[in-house]
Amino acid sequence: FAASASSQVVAFSDRQLNPLIHIYTFPELRKLAELKGSDVLDYTLLAFSFKGPYLASYSSIPEFVLSVWNWQENILLCSESQPGLTGTSLSFNPMNWQQLCFVAESSVTIWCIERSKDEHLLTRHPVELPDEQGAMSPHEDLFFPTSRKDDPYYGPDLPISAVAGLEGDEAETFVVVTDFFPFYYLHPTAHCWTAASEIYMGCKEGYVLAIDAEPHVDLYFSAQEGILIFYHIKDLQYEIKICADISQPISSLLFSPDYTSLLLVTEQVQHLR
C-alpha cells in the first residue's frame, strides 16, 4: 500500500497470482490505472514519488524485482532484479524523483534512475554500513583476493565468487560469512529524507546514520602521452588529479567487476592499478 498527498492517490496490489497494482483517487476512490508486470506472486513494497507520475514497486519470491512506473501512462520505465533480497522499506527522494532509497534487513542501497530521452536505467549504489560496534569494517576484495605466497602448484588465484560457482548479480553481491570471521552489520529499521538529499537512518542497535545520497561522478581519462587523469565531478564543481604516468600511449581502460582495480592496456604491456 502507498499514498501520495500531493497527487491525492493511493496504490495497492492484489494478494493473488499475477497481481495487479491498482491506482485510485482519494477520497473519491475513483479508479485511475491498473499496472501489470511480470511478477507472479506478490508486491511487498510500493512508493509514490513526491513530484511527477512515478511509482516504485518491489516484488517478493521468486523475482525480487525493483520496478519504476509512470502510472499515469501505464508504462514500466525500468526494473532491476536483486536475487534473494527481502526489502523492508522503499522511498523516493522528495527533491529528486530519480533517486530511491531501498532498505533490506541488513543493507541499504541508493538507486539512481538514469534517463536518456525515453530510455530509463536503474543503477545501484550500495551503502557501506558499520558493524554492531559502529565501526567500518575493512574492505576485502572478493573479486581479486590477495595472492597466496605458498607453492603456486595449485594454479592461479580465482575470485571467491567464481570458486563458489556464482555468476551474474549473485557474484557481484556475494559476501563470505564464516564461523571465524562473521559479519554483524547494523540492521536499518526506519529512514527519512532531508531537503538536502541526505538520509537519516535509524537502526535496531540504537545508531542513527547520516547518508549523503547526492550523486557524483568519478571519471578516469587517458591522455595520448600515457597519463591517467582522474576527474571527480559533483554538481558544477570538479577536481582533477593525475593518477599515473606510464610514458606510453594507453589504448583502453577496463575496471574490475567491483571497481577497485583498473586495467591500463598499451601496445606493449598491461598495467593493473
C-alpha atoms as a PDB file:
ATOM      1  CA  PHE A   1       0.000   0.000   0.000  1.00  0.00           C
ATOM      2  CA  ALA A   2       1.188   3.543  -0.795  1.00  0.00           C
ATOM      3  CA  ALA A   3      -0.362   7.024  -0.762  1.00  0.00           C
ATOM      4  CA  SER A   4       0.543  10.367  -2.340  1.00  0.00           C
ATOM      5  CA  ALA A   5      -0.750  13.512  -0.637  1.00  0.00           C
ATOM      6  CA  SER A   6       0.390  15.760  -3.496  1.00  0.00           C
ATOM      7  CA  SER A   7      -1.427  13.724  -6.175  1.00  0.00           C
ATOM      8  CA  GLN A   8      -4.254  12.592  -3.855  1.00  0.00           C
ATOM      9  CA  VAL A   9      -3.971   8.992  -4.975  1.00  0.00           C
ATOM     10  CA  VAL A  10      -3.462   5.623  -3.296  1.00  0.00           C
ATOM     11  CA  ALA A  11      -1.980   2.380  -4.637  1.00  0.00           C
ATOM     12  CA  PHE A  12      -2.372  -1.220  -3.554  1.00  0.00           C
ATOM     13  CA  SER A  13      -1.820  -4.640  -5.104  1.00  0.00           C
ATOM     14  CA  ASP A  14      -3.776  -7.880  -5.285  1.00  0.00           C
ATOM     15  CA  ARG A  15      -2.926 -10.774  -2.987  1.00  0.00           C
ATOM     16  CA  GLN A  16      -3.150 -13.481  -5.644  1.00  0.00           C
ATOM     17  CA  LEU A  17      -1.231 -14.998  -8.549  1.00  0.00           C
ATOM     18  CA  ASN A  18      -0.242 -12.483 -11.248  1.00  0.00           C
ATOM     19  CA  PRO A  19      -1.206  -9.474  -9.088  1.00  0.00           C
ATOM     20  CA  LEU A  20      -2.127  -6.069 -10.455  1.00  0.00           C
ATOM     21  CA  ILE A  21      -1.259  -2.696  -8.910  1.00  0.00           C
ATOM     22  CA  HIS A  22      -4.383  -0.538  -8.636  1.00  0.00           C
ATOM     23  CA  ILE A  23      -4.284   3.280  -8.550  1.00  0.00           C
ATOM     24  CA  TYR A  24      -7.288   5.122  -7.074  1.00  0.00           C
ATOM     25  CA  THR A  25      -8.071   8.735  -6.270  1.00  0.00           C
ATOM     26  CA  PHE A  26      -8.619   9.615  -2.626  1.00  0.00           C
ATOM     27  CA  PRO A  27     -11.080  10.231  -1.027  1.00  0.00           C
ATOM     28  CA  GLU A  28     -13.344   9.714  -4.058  1.00  0.00           C
ATOM     29  CA  LEU A  29     -11.899   6.192  -4.665  1.00  0.00           C
ATOM     30  CA  ARG A  30     -12.189   6.564  -8.428  1.00  0.00           C
ATOM     31  CA  LYS A  31     -10.044   4.081 -10.353  1.00  0.00           C
ATOM     32  CA  LEU A  32      -7.290   5.682 -12.433  1.00  0.00           C
ATOM     33  CA  ALA A  33      -4.976   2.885 -13.574  1.00  0.00           C
ATOM     34  CA  GLU A  34      -4.012  -0.773 -13.373  1.00  0.00           C
ATOM     35  CA  LEU A  35      -0.358  -1.729 -13.653  1.00  0.00           C
ATOM     36  CA  LYS A  36       0.539  -5.234 -14.742  1.00  0.00           C
ATOM     37  CA  GLY A  37       4.097  -6.533 -14.542  1.00  0.00           C
ATOM     38  CA  SER A  38       5.743  -9.924 -14.834  1.00  0.00           C
ATOM     39  CA  ASP A  39       5.607 -10.646 -11.083  1.00  0.00           C
ATOM     40  CA  VAL A  40       3.605 -13.772 -10.355  1.00  0.00           C
ATOM     41  CA  LEU A  41       3.203 -13.832  -6.557  1.00  0.00           C
ATOM     42  CA  ASP A  42       3.213 -10.595  -4.587  1.00  0.00           C
ATOM     43  CA  TYR A  43       4.316  -6.966  -4.350  1.00  0.00           C
ATOM     44  CA  THR A  44       5.774  -6.246  -0.926  1.00  0.00           C
ATOM     45  CA  LEU A  45       6.668  -2.535  -1.263  1.00  0.00           C
ATOM     46  CA  LEU A  46       5.062   0.391  -3.092  1.00  0.00           C
ATOM     47  CA  ALA A  47       6.118   4.070  -3.063  1.00  0.00           C
ATOM     48  CA  PHE A  48       4.975   7.202  -4.916  1.00  0.00           C
ATOM     49  CA  SER A  49       7.347   9.956  -5.963  1.00  0.00           C
ATOM     50  CA  PHE A  50       6.732  13.350  -4.374  1.00  0.00           C
ATOM     51  CA  LYS A  51       6.733  15.013  -7.782  1.00  0.00           C
ATOM     52  CA  GLY A  52       5.666  13.550 -11.106  1.00  0.00           C
ATOM     53  CA  PRO A  53       3.584  10.481 -12.001  1.00  0.00           C
ATOM     54  CA  TYR A  54       6.026   7.839 -10.758  1.00  0.00           C
ATOM     55  CA  LEU A  55       5.548   4.744  -8.656  1.00  0.00           C
ATOM     56  CA  ALA A  56       8.181   2.277  -7.430  1.00  0.00           C
ATOM     57  CA  SER A  57       7.330  -1.341  -6.614  1.00  0.00           C
ATOM     58  CA  TYR A  58       9.249  -4.287  -5.199  1.00  0.00           C
ATOM     59  CA  SER A  59       8.215  -7.920  -5.505  1.00  0.00           C
ATOM     60  CA  SER A  60       8.952 -10.909  -3.328  1.00  0.00           C
ATOM     61  CA  ILE A  61       9.741 -14.552  -4.173  1.00  0.00           C
ATOM     62  CA  PRO A  62      10.729 -15.583  -6.776  1.00  0.00           C
ATOM     63  CA  GLU A  63      11.638 -12.430  -8.739  1.00  0.00           C
ATOM     64  CA  PHE A  64      12.770  -9.860  -6.124  1.00  0.00           C
ATOM     65  CA  VAL A  65      12.441  -7.106  -8.754  1.00  0.00           C
ATOM     66  CA  LEU A  66      12.569  -3.352  -8.206  1.00  0.00           C
ATOM     67  CA  SER A  67      10.455  -1.553 -10.832  1.00  0.00           C
ATOM     68  CA  VAL A  68       9.693   2.087 -11.626  1.00  0.00           C
ATOM     69  CA  TRP A  69       6.445   3.015 -13.396  1.00  0.00           C
ATOM     70  CA  ASN A  70       4.824   6.032 -14.974  1.00  0.00           C
ATOM     71  CA  TRP A  71       1.412   5.225 -13.531  1.00  0.00           C
ATOM     72  CA  GLN A  72      -0.437   7.949 -15.441  1.00  0.00           C
ATOM     73  CA  GLU A  73       0.618   6.484 -18.799  1.00  0.00           C
ATOM     74  CA  ASN A  74       0.655   2.869 -17.538  1.00  0.00           C
ATOM     75  CA  ILE A  75       4.298   2.386 -18.623  1.00  0.00           C
ATOM     76  CA  LEU A  76       7.014   0.308 -16.960  1.00  0.00           C
ATOM     77  CA  LEU A  77      10.083   2.555 -17.219  1.00  0.00           C
ATOM     78  CA  CYS A  78      12.781   0.227 -15.858  1.00  0.00           C
ATOM     79  CA  SER A  79      13.362  -2.671 -13.492  1.00  0.00           C
ATOM     80  CA  GLU A  80      16.257  -4.473 -11.813  1.00  0.00           C
ATOM     81  CA  SER A  81      16.489  -7.809 -10.021  1.00  0.00           C
ATOM     82  CA  GLN A  82      18.030  -8.319  -6.572  1.00  0.00           C
ATOM     83  CA  PRO A  83      18.085 -12.116  -6.121  1.00  0.00           C
ATOM     84  CA  GLY A  84      17.084 -13.295  -2.669  1.00  0.00           C
ATOM     85  CA  LEU A  85      16.973  -9.795  -1.117  1.00  0.00           C
ATOM     86  CA  THR A  86      13.899  -9.128   1.036  1.00  0.00           C
ATOM     87  CA  GLY A  87      13.022  -5.434   1.201  1.00  0.00           C
ATOM     88  CA  THR A  88      11.672  -3.711   4.303  1.00  0.00           C
ATOM     89  CA  SER A  89      11.138  -0.113   3.093  1.00  0.00           C
ATOM     90  CA  LEU A  90      11.324   1.941  -0.087  1.00  0.00           C
ATOM     91  CA  SER A  91      11.083   5.682  -0.751  1.00  0.00           C
ATOM     92  CA  PHE A  92      11.770   8.370  -3.341  1.00  0.00           C
ATOM     93  CA  ASN A  93      13.957  11.390  -2.693  1.00  0.00           C
ATOM     94  CA  PRO A  94      11.396  14.222  -2.204  1.00  0.00           C
ATOM     95  CA  MET A  95      13.699  16.636  -4.046  1.00  0.00           C
ATOM     96  CA  ASN A  96      14.658  14.308  -6.900  1.00  0.00           C
ATOM     97  CA  TRP A  97      12.394  11.541  -8.219  1.00  0.00           C
ATOM     98  CA  GLN A  98      15.403   9.913  -9.908  1.00  0.00           C
ATOM     99  CA  GLN A  99      16.741   8.682  -6.548  1.00  0.00           C
ATOM    100  CA  LEU A 100      15.347   5.823  -4.480  1.00  0.00           C
ATOM    101  CA  CYS A 101      16.320   4.509  -1.062  1.00  0.00           C
ATOM    102  CA  PHE A 102      15.883   0.740  -0.761  1.00  0.00           C
ATOM    103  CA  VAL A 103      16.284  -0.814   2.681  1.00  0.00           C
ATOM    104  CA  ALA A 104      16.685  -4.527   3.413  1.00  0.00           C
ATOM    105  CA  GLU A 105      17.192  -6.313   6.731  1.00  0.00           C
ATOM    106  CA  SER A 106      20.927  -5.569   6.851  1.00  0.00           C
ATOM    107  CA  SER A 107      21.679  -3.418   3.796  1.00  0.00           C
ATOM    108  CA  VAL A 108      20.868  -0.038   2.262  1.00  0.00           C
ATOM    109  CA  THR A 109      21.031   0.781  -1.445  1.00  0.00           C
ATOM    110  CA  ILE A 110      20.624   4.113  -3.221  1.00  0.00           C
ATOM    111  CA  TRP A 111      19.157   3.511  -6.681  1.00  0.00           C
ATOM    112  CA  CYS A 112      19.574   6.188  -9.347  1.00  0.00           C
ATOM    113  CA  ILE A 113      17.268   6.329 -12.363  1.00  0.00           C
ATOM    114  CA  GLU A 114      19.407   7.276 -15.345  1.00  0.00           C
ATOM    115  CA  ARG A 115      17.467   8.735 -18.267  1.00  0.00           C
ATOM    116  CA  SER A 116      18.200   9.333 -21.939  1.00  0.00           C
ATOM    117  CA  LYS A 117      15.094  10.566 -23.775  1.00  0.00           C
ATOM    118  CA  ASP A 118      12.584   7.715 -23.373  1.00  0.00           C
ATOM    119  CA  GLU A 119      15.115   5.180 -22.065  1.00  0.00           C
ATOM    120  CA  HIS A 120      15.464   4.623 -18.312  1.00  0.00           C
ATOM    121  CA  LEU A 121      18.024   2.577 -16.388  1.00  0.00           C
ATOM    122  CA  LEU A 122      18.371   1.745 -12.680  1.00  0.00           C
ATOM    123  CA  THR A 123      21.919   1.927 -11.323  1.00  0.00           C
ATOM    124  CA  ARG A 124      22.857   0.506  -7.913  1.00  0.00           C
ATOM    125  CA  HIS A 125      24.876   2.400  -5.280  1.00  0.00           C
ATOM    126  CA  PRO A 126      25.266   0.223  -2.145  1.00  0.00           C
ATOM    127  CA  VAL A 127      25.799   1.980   1.184  1.00  0.00           C
ATOM    128  CA  GLU A 128      28.551   0.551   3.374  1.00  0.00           C
ATOM    129  CA  LEU A 129      27.132   0.018   6.847  1.00  0.00           C
ATOM    130  CA  PRO A 130      29.130  -0.072  10.102  1.00  0.00           C
ATOM    131  CA  ASP A 131      29.259  -3.164  12.283  1.00  0.00           C
ATOM    132  CA  GLU A 132      27.361  -3.522  15.562  1.00  0.00           C
ATOM    133  CA  GLN A 133      30.061  -1.502  17.352  1.00  0.00           C
ATOM    134  CA  GLY A 134      29.644   1.415  14.943  1.00  0.00           C
ATOM    135  CA  ALA A 135      32.996   0.781  13.242  1.00  0.00           C
ATOM    136  CA  MET A 136      33.538   0.448   9.494  1.00  0.00           C
ATOM    137  CA  SER A 137      34.895  -2.970   8.537  1.00  0.00           C
ATOM    138  CA  PRO A 138      37.970  -3.023   6.281  1.00  0.00           C
ATOM    139  CA  HIS A 139      37.139  -3.685   2.662  1.00  0.00           C
ATOM    140  CA  GLU A 140      38.053  -7.114   1.380  1.00  0.00           C
ATOM    141  CA  ASP A 141      38.434  -7.570  -2.336  1.00  0.00           C
ATOM    142  CA  LEU A 142      36.216 -10.555  -3.090  1.00  0.00           C
ATOM    143  CA  PHE A 143      36.937 -10.493  -6.808  1.00  0.00           C
ATOM    144  CA  PHE A 144      40.731 -10.394  -6.711  1.00  0.00           C
ATOM    145  CA  PRO A 145      41.899 -11.680  -3.313  1.00  0.00           C
ATOM    146  CA  THR A 146      45.481 -11.280  -2.207  1.00  0.00           C
ATOM    147  CA  SER A 147      47.736 -13.749  -3.996  1.00  0.00           C
ATOM    148  CA  ARG A 148      48.957 -16.719  -1.999  1.00  0.00           C
ATOM    149  CA  LYS A 149      52.614 -16.789  -1.088  1.00  0.00           C
ATOM    150  CA  ASP A 150      52.789 -20.567  -0.930  1.00  0.00           C
ATOM    151  CA  ASP A 151      53.529 -23.041  -3.718  1.00  0.00           C
ATOM    152  CA  PRO A 152      51.710 -21.936  -6.936  1.00  0.00           C
ATOM    153  CA  TYR A 153      51.236 -25.593  -7.876  1.00  0.00           C
ATOM    154  CA  TYR A 154      47.512 -25.336  -7.232  1.00  0.00           C
ATOM    155  CA  GLY A 155      47.048 -22.849 -10.056  1.00  0.00           C
ATOM    156  CA  PRO A 156      46.071 -19.167 -10.250  1.00  0.00           C
ATOM    157  CA  ASP A 157      44.009 -17.384  -7.616  1.00  0.00           C
ATOM    158  CA  LEU A 158      40.334 -17.225  -8.572  1.00  0.00           C
ATOM    159  CA  PRO A 159      37.687 -14.764  -7.418  1.00  0.00           C
ATOM    160  CA  ILE A 160      35.904 -16.160  -4.384  1.00  0.00           C
ATOM    161  CA  SER A 161      32.549 -15.853  -6.159  1.00  0.00           C
ATOM    162  CA  ALA A 162      33.905 -17.995  -9.026  1.00  0.00           C
ATOM    163  CA  VAL A 163      35.064 -20.661  -6.570  1.00  0.00           C
ATOM    164  CA  ALA A 164      31.513 -20.689  -5.203  1.00  0.00           C
ATOM    165  CA  GLY A 165      30.171 -21.211  -8.731  1.00  0.00           C
ATOM    166  CA  LEU A 166      28.202 -17.940  -8.807  1.00  0.00           C
ATOM    167  CA  GLU A 167      27.592 -15.668 -11.769  1.00  0.00           C
ATOM    168  CA  GLY A 168      25.696 -12.516 -12.670  1.00  0.00           C
ATOM    169  CA  ASP A 169      24.107 -10.445  -9.881  1.00  0.00           C
ATOM    170  CA  GLU A 170      24.761 -13.138  -7.262  1.00  0.00           C
ATOM    171  CA  ALA A 171      28.506 -12.995  -7.960  1.00  0.00           C
ATOM    172  CA  GLU A 172      28.608  -9.195  -7.593  1.00  0.00           C
ATOM    173  CA  THR A 173      26.782  -9.181  -4.229  1.00  0.00           C
ATOM    174  CA  PHE A 174      28.392 -12.318  -2.757  1.00  0.00           C
ATOM    175  CA  VAL A 175      29.691 -11.882   0.816  1.00  0.00           C
ATOM    176  CA  VAL A 176      31.713 -14.521   2.627  1.00  0.00           C
ATOM    177  CA  VAL A 177      30.500 -15.403   6.122  1.00  0.00           C
ATOM    178  CA  THR A 178      32.424 -17.939   8.197  1.00  0.00           C
ATOM    179  CA  ASP A 179      32.447 -19.089  11.799  1.00  0.00           C
ATOM    180  CA  PHE A 180      35.826 -17.427  12.277  1.00  0.00           C
ATOM    181  CA  PHE A 181      35.067 -14.078  10.657  1.00  0.00           C
ATOM    182  CA  PRO A 182      31.318 -13.430  10.896  1.00  0.00           C
ATOM    183  CA  PHE A 183      29.813 -10.184   9.609  1.00  0.00           C
ATOM    184  CA  TYR A 184      27.451  -8.416  12.008  1.00  0.00           C
ATOM    185  CA  TYR A 185      26.264  -5.269  10.267  1.00  0.00           C
ATOM    186  CA  LEU A 186      23.723  -2.831  11.639  1.00  0.00           C
ATOM    187  CA  HIS A 187      20.067  -3.504  10.915  1.00  0.00           C
ATOM    188  CA  PRO A 188      18.221  -0.461   9.484  1.00  0.00           C
ATOM    189  CA  THR A 189      14.658  -0.003  10.712  1.00  0.00           C
ATOM    190  CA  ALA A 190      13.415   3.427   9.570  1.00  0.00           C
ATOM    191  CA  HIS A 191      14.609   6.302   7.418  1.00  0.00           C
ATOM    192  CA  CYS A 192      13.674   9.781   6.214  1.00  0.00           C
ATOM    193  CA  TRP A 193      14.976  12.224   3.599  1.00  0.00           C
ATOM    194  CA  THR A 194      16.045  15.823   4.142  1.00  0.00           C
ATOM    195  CA  ALA A 195      15.733  18.772   1.755  1.00  0.00           C
ATOM    196  CA  ALA A 196      19.497  18.461   1.121  1.00  0.00           C
ATOM    197  CA  SER A 197      19.112  14.908  -0.280  1.00  0.00           C
ATOM    198  CA  GLU A 198      20.507  13.343   2.872  1.00  0.00           C
ATOM    199  CA  ILE A 199      19.050  10.268   4.554  1.00  0.00           C
ATOM    200  CA  TYR A 200      18.778   9.754   8.296  1.00  0.00           C
ATOM    201  CA  MET A 201      18.623   6.057   9.074  1.00  0.00           C
ATOM    202  CA  GLY A 202      17.586   4.572  12.413  1.00  0.00           C
ATOM    203  CA  CYS A 203      18.977   1.146  13.302  1.00  0.00           C
ATOM    204  CA  LYS A 204      17.845  -1.667  15.582  1.00  0.00           C
ATOM    205  CA  GLU A 205      21.076  -1.382  17.566  1.00  0.00           C
ATOM    206  CA  GLY A 206      20.315   2.235  18.524  1.00  0.00           C
ATOM    207  CA  TYR A 207      22.526   4.035  15.989  1.00  0.00           C
ATOM    208  CA  VAL A 208      21.381   6.861  13.702  1.00  0.00           C
ATOM    209  CA  LEU A 209      23.219   7.050  10.383  1.00  0.00           C
ATOM    210  CA  ALA A 210      23.547  10.097   8.114  1.00  0.00           C
ATOM    211  CA  ILE A 211      23.835   9.108   4.439  1.00  0.00           C
ATOM    212  CA  ASP A 212      24.679  11.542   1.648  1.00  0.00           C
ATOM    213  CA  ALA A 213      22.728  10.413  -1.408  1.00  0.00           C
ATOM    214  CA  GLU A 214      23.738  13.318  -3.644  1.00  0.00           C
ATOM    215  CA  PRO A 215      25.165  11.875  -6.876  1.00  0.00           C
ATOM    216  CA  HIS A 216      28.722  12.489  -8.008  1.00  0.00           C
ATOM    217  CA  VAL A 217      30.741  11.233 -10.931  1.00  0.00           C
ATOM    218  CA  ASP A 218      34.255   9.799 -10.945  1.00  0.00           C
ATOM    219  CA  LEU A 219      35.828   9.806 -14.389  1.00  0.00           C
ATOM    220  CA  TYR A 220      39.138   8.327 -15.499  1.00  0.00           C
ATOM    221  CA  PHE A 221      40.614   9.791 -18.674  1.00  0.00           C
ATOM    222  CA  SER A 222      43.708   8.715 -20.604  1.00  0.00           C
ATOM    223  CA  ALA A 223      45.762  11.265 -22.489  1.00  0.00           C
ATOM    224  CA  GLN A 224      47.813  10.326 -25.549  1.00  0.00           C
ATOM    225  CA  GLU A 225      51.036  10.825 -23.608  1.00  0.00           C
ATOM    226  CA  GLY A 226      50.277   7.867 -21.319  1.00  0.00           C
ATOM    227  CA  ILE A 227      48.950   9.928 -18.413  1.00  0.00           C
ATOM    228  CA  LEU A 228      45.952   8.632 -16.447  1.00  0.00           C
ATOM    229  CA  ILE A 229      43.807  11.542 -15.253  1.00  0.00           C
ATOM    230  CA  PHE A 230      41.070  11.324 -12.618  1.00  0.00           C
ATOM    231  CA  TYR A 231      38.086  13.714 -12.635  1.00  0.00           C
ATOM    232  CA  HIS A 232      35.841  13.913  -9.564  1.00  0.00           C
ATOM    233  CA  ILE A 233      32.622  15.711 -10.584  1.00  0.00           C
ATOM    234  CA  LYS A 234      29.859  16.822  -8.225  1.00  0.00           C
ATOM    235  CA  ASP A 235      27.182  19.286  -9.325  1.00  0.00           C
ATOM    236  CA  LEU A 236      29.088  22.107 -11.076  1.00  0.00           C
ATOM    237  CA  GLN A 237      32.360  21.514  -9.212  1.00  0.00           C
ATOM    238  CA  TYR A 238      35.143  19.221 -10.370  1.00  0.00           C
ATOM    239  CA  GLU A 239      38.576  18.115  -9.216  1.00  0.00           C
ATOM    240  CA  ILE A 240      41.443  16.903 -11.418  1.00  0.00           C
ATOM    241  CA  LYS A 241      44.165  14.530 -10.289  1.00  0.00           C
ATOM    242  CA  ILE A 242      46.978  12.786 -12.204  1.00  0.00           C
ATOM    243  CA  CYS A 243      46.960   9.139 -11.091  1.00  0.00           C
ATOM    244  CA  ALA A 244      49.704   7.584 -13.217  1.00  0.00           C
ATOM    245  CA  ASP A 245      52.248   8.329 -15.929  1.00  0.00           C
ATOM    246  CA  ILE A 246      53.433   5.206 -17.753  1.00  0.00           C
ATOM    247  CA  SER A 247      55.188   7.133 -20.541  1.00  0.00           C
ATOM    248  CA  GLN A 248      53.486   5.247 -23.365  1.00  0.00           C
ATOM    249  CA  PRO A 249      50.119   5.639 -25.119  1.00  0.00           C
ATOM    250  CA  ILE A 250      47.162   3.970 -23.384  1.00  0.00           C
ATOM    251  CA  SER A 251      44.807   2.245 -25.823  1.00  0.00           C
ATOM    252  CA  SER A 252      41.986   1.295 -23.421  1.00  0.00           C
ATOM    253  CA  LEU A 253      40.851   1.251 -19.776  1.00  0.00           C
ATOM    254  CA  LEU A 254      38.898  -1.526 -18.055  1.00  0.00           C
ATOM    255  CA  PHE A 255      37.580  -1.740 -14.486  1.00  0.00           C
ATOM    256  CA  SER A 256      37.353  -4.924 -12.431  1.00  0.00           C
ATOM    257  CA  PRO A 257      33.769  -6.064 -11.604  1.00  0.00           C
ATOM    258  CA  ASP A 258      33.871  -4.407  -8.159  1.00  0.00           C
ATOM    259  CA  TYR A 259      35.530  -1.215  -9.498  1.00  0.00           C
ATOM    260  CA  THR A 260      38.512  -1.461  -7.152  1.00  0.00           C
ATOM    261  CA  SER A 261      41.136  -2.179  -9.838  1.00  0.00           C
ATOM    262  CA  LEU A 262      41.758  -0.539 -13.197  1.00  0.00           C
ATOM    263  CA  LEU A 263      43.452  -2.230 -16.146  1.00  0.00           C
ATOM    264  CA  LEU A 264      45.532   0.022 -18.439  1.00  0.00           C
ATOM    265  CA  VAL A 265      46.210  -1.508 -21.845  1.00  0.00           C
ATOM    266  CA  THR A 266      49.107  -0.313 -24.029  1.00  0.00           C
ATOM    267  CA  GLU A 267      50.668  -1.680 -27.192  1.00  0.00           C
ATOM    268  CA  GLN A 268      53.498  -3.307 -25.262  1.00  0.00           C
ATOM    269  CA  VAL A 269      52.216  -4.241 -21.803  1.00  0.00           C
ATOM    270  CA  GLN A 270      49.189  -4.244 -19.493  1.00  0.00           C
ATOM    271  CA  HIS A 271      49.262  -2.448 -16.162  1.00  0.00           C
ATOM    272  CA  LEU A 272      46.971  -3.111 -13.201  1.00  0.00           C
ATOM    273  CA  ARG A 273      46.384  -0.158 -10.899  1.00  0.00           C
END
